[in-house]
């Protein structure tokens, strides 16, 4: 469960559901890519005020349940995540770059919704789980007594 983020001049609880499709909707997301995305997102959360509550993959797209602060717009969050994860996937999974003809990893588009728009986190997590053919939850953050605990699945 997420908690409010307390800063010096504001308190926020902004959660977003993002979906990023792979370029050309190619089936390029496998266990190796899952691992790279998960590890990269953990590093992103250490450097930016972006918390990954859940990450789930299908063969051709990735779902993110993210909590952030008002300082970042949804578009800025997308830019940060897409650019860093794409660089890491191409660097560590060279076969993916070949499948995408040496181009981009992510398509230009994305889907974003606020969690409160459709319900709470559990409703969104369940919705995400029921999308696509083979949803694979690769990451989930659990909060324990106000402390964030990472429960990665690798």
C-alpha atoms as a PDB file:
ATOM      1  CA  UNK A   1       0.000   0.000   0.000  1.00  0.00           C
ATOM      2  CA  UNK A   2       1.171   3.505  -0.719  1.00  0.00           C
ATOM      3  CA  UNK A   3       1.451   6.225   1.852  1.00  0.00           C
ATOM      4  CA  UNK A   4       1.380   9.987   1.599  1.00  0.00           C
ATOM      5  CA  UNK A   5       4.707  11.573   0.780  1.00  0.00           C
ATOM      6  CA  UNK A   6       5.556  14.397   3.177  1.00  0.00           C
ATOM      7  CA  UNK A   7       7.758  17.183   1.851  1.00  0.00           C
ATOM      8  CA  UNK A   8       8.652  20.506   3.452  1.00  0.00           C
ATOM      9  CA  UNK A   9       5.819  22.378   1.718  1.00  0.00           C
ATOM     10  CA  UNK A  10       3.332  19.723   0.654  1.00  0.00           C
ATOM     11  CA  UNK A  11       1.873  16.305   1.289  1.00  0.00           C
ATOM     12  CA  UNK A  12       0.871  14.210  -1.696  1.00  0.00           C
ATOM     13  CA  UNK A  13      -0.384  10.795  -2.637  1.00  0.00           C
ATOM     14  CA  UNK A  14      -0.137  10.785  -6.431  1.00  0.00           C
ATOM     15  CA  UNK A  15      -0.325   7.362  -8.039  1.00  0.00           C
ATOM     16  CA  UNK A  16      -0.372   6.579 -11.727  1.00  0.00           C
ATOM     17  CA  UNK A  17      -0.965   3.522 -13.864  1.00  0.00           C
ATOM     18  CA  UNK A  18       1.263   3.633 -16.970  1.00  0.00           C
ATOM     19  CA  UNK A  19       1.377   1.242 -19.912  1.00  0.00           C
ATOM     20  CA  UNK A  20       4.339   1.387 -22.292  1.00  0.00           C
ATOM     21  CA  UNK A  21       4.134  -0.719 -25.463  1.00  0.00           C
ATOM     22  CA  UNK A  22       7.281  -1.981 -27.141  1.00  0.00           C
ATOM     23  CA  UNK A  23       8.101  -0.452 -30.520  1.00  0.00           C
ATOM     24  CA  UNK A  24       5.967  -1.935 -33.313  1.00  0.00           C
ATOM     25  CA  UNK A  25       4.210  -3.978 -30.582  1.00  0.00           C
ATOM     26  CA  UNK A  26       6.970  -6.531 -31.125  1.00  0.00           C
ATOM     27  CA  UNK A  27       7.126  -9.497 -28.779  1.00  0.00           C
ATOM     28  CA  UNK A  28      10.515  -8.664 -27.242  1.00  0.00           C
ATOM     29  CA  UNK A  29       9.835  -8.810 -23.502  1.00  0.00           C
ATOM     30  CA  UNK A  30      11.061 -12.054 -21.976  1.00  0.00           C
ATOM     31  CA  UNK A  31      12.575 -13.084 -18.610  1.00  0.00           C
ATOM     32  CA  UNK A  32      15.921 -11.462 -19.394  1.00  0.00           C
ATOM     33  CA  UNK A  33      14.271  -8.144 -20.337  1.00  0.00           C
ATOM     34  CA  UNK A  34      12.021  -8.442 -17.245  1.00  0.00           C
ATOM     35  CA  UNK A  35      15.105  -8.649 -15.046  1.00  0.00           C
ATOM     36  CA  UNK A  36      16.761  -5.641 -16.705  1.00  0.00           C
ATOM     37  CA  UNK A  37      13.591  -3.531 -16.398  1.00  0.00           C
ATOM     38  CA  UNK A  38      13.121  -4.499 -12.740  1.00  0.00           C
ATOM     39  CA  UNK A  39      16.734  -3.756 -11.786  1.00  0.00           C
ATOM     40  CA  UNK A  40      16.750  -0.490 -13.730  1.00  0.00           C
ATOM     41  CA  UNK A  41      13.528   0.680 -12.090  1.00  0.00           C
ATOM     42  CA  UNK A  42      14.964  -0.067  -8.651  1.00  0.00           C
ATOM     43  CA  UNK A  43      17.924   2.160  -9.513  1.00  0.00           C
ATOM     44  CA  UNK A  44      15.640   4.890 -10.905  1.00  0.00           C
ATOM     45  CA  UNK A  45      13.724   4.962  -7.613  1.00  0.00           C
ATOM     46  CA  UNK A  46      17.005   5.564  -5.748  1.00  0.00           C
ATOM     47  CA  UNK A  47      17.857   8.603  -7.879  1.00  0.00           C
ATOM     48  CA  UNK A  48      14.436  10.156  -8.556  1.00  0.00           C
ATOM     49  CA  UNK A  49      11.353  10.674  -6.425  1.00  0.00           C
ATOM     50  CA  UNK A  50       9.555   7.910  -8.272  1.00  0.00           C
ATOM     51  CA  UNK A  51       8.388   4.819  -6.379  1.00  0.00           C
ATOM     52  CA  UNK A  52       7.468   1.708  -8.309  1.00  0.00           C
ATOM     53  CA  UNK A  53       4.580   0.046  -6.503  1.00  0.00           C
ATOM     54  CA  UNK A  54       4.189  -2.712  -9.080  1.00  0.00           C
ATOM     55  CA  UNK A  55       5.692  -3.632 -12.427  1.00  0.00           C
ATOM     56  CA  UNK A  56       4.103  -6.227 -14.669  1.00  0.00           C
ATOM     57  CA  UNK A  57       5.020  -7.345 -18.135  1.00  0.00           C
ATOM     58  CA  UNK A  58       3.300  -8.977 -21.046  1.00  0.00           C
ATOM     59  CA  UNK A  59       5.083 -10.033 -24.207  1.00  0.00           C
ATOM     60  CA  UNK A  60       4.794  -6.663 -25.927  1.00  0.00           C
ATOM     61  CA  UNK A  61       4.092  -4.080 -23.215  1.00  0.00           C
ATOM     62  CA  UNK A  62       4.806  -3.195 -19.577  1.00  0.00           C
ATOM     63  CA  UNK A  63       2.439  -1.961 -16.853  1.00  0.00           C
ATOM     64  CA  UNK A  64       3.731   0.297 -14.072  1.00  0.00           C
ATOM     65  CA  UNK A  65       1.922   1.334 -10.904  1.00  0.00           C
ATOM     66  CA  UNK A  66       3.905   4.367  -9.759  1.00  0.00           C
ATOM     67  CA  UNK A  67       3.801   6.882  -6.932  1.00  0.00           C
ATOM     68  CA  UNK A  68       5.545  10.207  -7.333  1.00  0.00           C
ATOM     69  CA  UNK A  69       5.570  13.800  -6.156  1.00  0.00           C
ATOM     70  CA  UNK A  70       3.938  16.887  -7.743  1.00  0.00           C
ATOM     71  CA  UNK A  71       7.341  18.086  -8.955  1.00  0.00           C
ATOM     72  CA  UNK A  72       7.167  15.504 -11.788  1.00  0.00           C
ATOM     73  CA  UNK A  73       4.418  15.622 -14.391  1.00  0.00           C
ATOM     74  CA  UNK A  74       3.265  12.294 -15.854  1.00  0.00           C
ATOM     75  CA  UNK A  75       5.106  13.163 -19.079  1.00  0.00           C
ATOM     76  CA  UNK A  76       8.358  13.760 -17.176  1.00  0.00           C
ATOM     77  CA  UNK A  77       7.954  10.418 -15.386  1.00  0.00           C
ATOM     78  CA  UNK A  78       7.427   8.690 -18.738  1.00  0.00           C
ATOM     79  CA  UNK A  79      10.495  10.380 -20.248  1.00  0.00           C
ATOM     80  CA  UNK A  80      12.702   9.359 -17.316  1.00  0.00           C
ATOM     81  CA  UNK A  81      11.557   5.741 -17.249  1.00  0.00           C
ATOM     82  CA  UNK A  82      11.488   5.165 -21.008  1.00  0.00           C
ATOM     83  CA  UNK A  83      14.891   6.700 -21.708  1.00  0.00           C
ATOM     84  CA  UNK A  84      16.776   4.954 -18.919  1.00  0.00           C
ATOM     85  CA  UNK A  85      15.144   1.526 -19.299  1.00  0.00           C
ATOM     86  CA  UNK A  86      15.605   1.552 -23.093  1.00  0.00           C
ATOM     87  CA  UNK A  87      19.327   2.308 -22.768  1.00  0.00           C
ATOM     88  CA  UNK A  88      19.761  -0.489 -20.237  1.00  0.00           C
ATOM     89  CA  UNK A  89      17.750  -3.052 -22.209  1.00  0.00           C
ATOM     90  CA  UNK A  90      19.726  -2.347 -25.386  1.00  0.00           C
ATOM     91  CA  UNK A  91      23.046  -2.448 -23.515  1.00  0.00           C
ATOM     92  CA  UNK A  92      22.302  -5.696 -21.659  1.00  0.00           C
ATOM     93  CA  UNK A  93      20.034  -7.515 -24.140  1.00  0.00           C
ATOM     94  CA  UNK A  94      21.674  -7.084 -27.540  1.00  0.00           C
ATOM     95  CA  UNK A  95      19.287  -9.546 -29.216  1.00  0.00           C
ATOM     96  CA  UNK A  96      16.392  -7.161 -28.499  1.00  0.00           C
ATOM     97  CA  UNK A  97      18.074  -4.380 -30.455  1.00  0.00           C
ATOM     98  CA  UNK A  98      18.382  -6.733 -33.437  1.00  0.00           C
ATOM     99  CA  UNK A  99      14.679  -7.660 -33.239  1.00  0.00           C
ATOM    100  CA  UNK A 100      13.809  -3.952 -33.334  1.00  0.00           C
ATOM    101  CA  UNK A 101      16.133  -3.252 -36.281  1.00  0.00           C
ATOM    102  CA  UNK A 102      18.458  -1.165 -34.125  1.00  0.00           C
ATOM    103  CA  UNK A 103      15.777   1.436 -33.478  1.00  0.00           C
ATOM    104  CA  UNK A 104      13.912   2.397 -30.336  1.00  0.00           C
ATOM    105  CA  UNK A 105      12.761   0.058 -27.573  1.00  0.00           C
ATOM    106  CA  UNK A 106       9.523   1.830 -26.607  1.00  0.00           C
ATOM    107  CA  UNK A 107       6.829   3.127 -28.933  1.00  0.00           C
ATOM    108  CA  UNK A 108       6.200   6.873 -28.838  1.00  0.00           C
ATOM    109  CA  UNK A 109       2.806   6.501 -27.182  1.00  0.00           C
ATOM    110  CA  UNK A 110       1.787   5.486 -23.683  1.00  0.00           C
ATOM    111  CA  UNK A 111      -1.298   5.129 -21.487  1.00  0.00           C
ATOM    112  CA  UNK A 112      -1.636   6.923 -18.162  1.00  0.00           C
ATOM    113  CA  UNK A 113      -4.419   7.066 -15.584  1.00  0.00           C
ATOM    114  CA  UNK A 114      -4.548   8.173 -11.995  1.00  0.00           C
ATOM    115  CA  UNK A 115      -5.370   5.398  -9.583  1.00  0.00           C
ATOM    116  CA  UNK A 116      -8.233   7.310  -7.980  1.00  0.00           C
ATOM    117  CA  UNK A 117      -9.879   7.542 -11.386  1.00  0.00           C
ATOM    118  CA  UNK A 118     -10.774   3.831 -11.312  1.00  0.00           C
ATOM    119  CA  UNK A 119     -10.470   2.897  -7.642  1.00  0.00           C
ATOM    120  CA  UNK A 120      -7.718   1.966  -5.275  1.00  0.00           C
ATOM    121  CA  UNK A 121      -4.371   0.278  -5.870  1.00  0.00           C
ATOM    122  CA  UNK A 122      -5.769  -3.232  -5.505  1.00  0.00           C
ATOM    123  CA  UNK A 123      -8.420  -2.581  -8.162  1.00  0.00           C
ATOM    124  CA  UNK A 124      -5.756  -1.286 -10.575  1.00  0.00           C
ATOM    125  CA  UNK A 125      -3.383  -4.162  -9.762  1.00  0.00           C
ATOM    126  CA  UNK A 126      -6.170  -6.653 -10.470  1.00  0.00           C
ATOM    127  CA  UNK A 127      -7.101  -4.854 -13.709  1.00  0.00           C
ATOM    128  CA  UNK A 128      -3.478  -4.904 -14.854  1.00  0.00           C
ATOM    129  CA  UNK A 129      -3.197  -8.599 -14.005  1.00  0.00           C
ATOM    130  CA  UNK A 130      -6.158  -9.444 -16.236  1.00  0.00           C
ATOM    131  CA  UNK A 131      -4.813  -7.599 -19.298  1.00  0.00           C
ATOM    132  CA  UNK A 132      -3.016  -9.262 -22.162  1.00  0.00           C
ATOM    133  CA  UNK A 133      -2.094 -12.882 -22.684  1.00  0.00           C
ATOM    134  CA  UNK A 134       0.633 -13.642 -20.198  1.00  0.00           C
ATOM    135  CA  UNK A 135       0.867 -11.016 -17.460  1.00  0.00           C
ATOM    136  CA  UNK A 136       3.991 -11.528 -15.373  1.00  0.00           C
ATOM    137  CA  UNK A 137       4.330  -9.542 -12.140  1.00  0.00           C
ATOM    138  CA  UNK A 138       8.052  -8.893 -11.835  1.00  0.00           C
ATOM    139  CA  UNK A 139       8.024  -6.425  -8.962  1.00  0.00           C
ATOM    140  CA  UNK A 140       5.806  -5.336  -6.061  1.00  0.00           C
ATOM    141  CA  UNK A 141       6.569  -2.888  -3.244  1.00  0.00           C
ATOM    142  CA  UNK A 142       5.089  -3.580   0.166  1.00  0.00           C
ATOM    143  CA  UNK A 143       4.897  -1.041   2.974  1.00  0.00           C
ATOM    144  CA  UNK A 144       5.566  -2.344   6.459  1.00  0.00           C
ATOM    145  CA  UNK A 145       4.978  -0.007   9.432  1.00  0.00           C
ATOM    146  CA  UNK A 146       5.694   3.079   7.346  1.00  0.00           C
ATOM    147  CA  UNK A 147       8.893   1.580   5.916  1.00  0.00           C
ATOM    148  CA  UNK A 148       9.071   0.594   2.287  1.00  0.00           C
ATOM    149  CA  UNK A 149      10.087  -3.004   1.715  1.00  0.00           C
ATOM    150  CA  UNK A 150      11.066  -4.184  -1.762  1.00  0.00           C
ATOM    151  CA  UNK A 151       9.748  -7.577  -2.688  1.00  0.00           C
ATOM    152  CA  UNK A 152      11.313  -8.297  -6.050  1.00  0.00           C
ATOM    153  CA  UNK A 153      10.474 -11.607  -7.660  1.00  0.00           C
ATOM    154  CA  UNK A 154      13.943 -12.349  -9.076  1.00  0.00           C
END
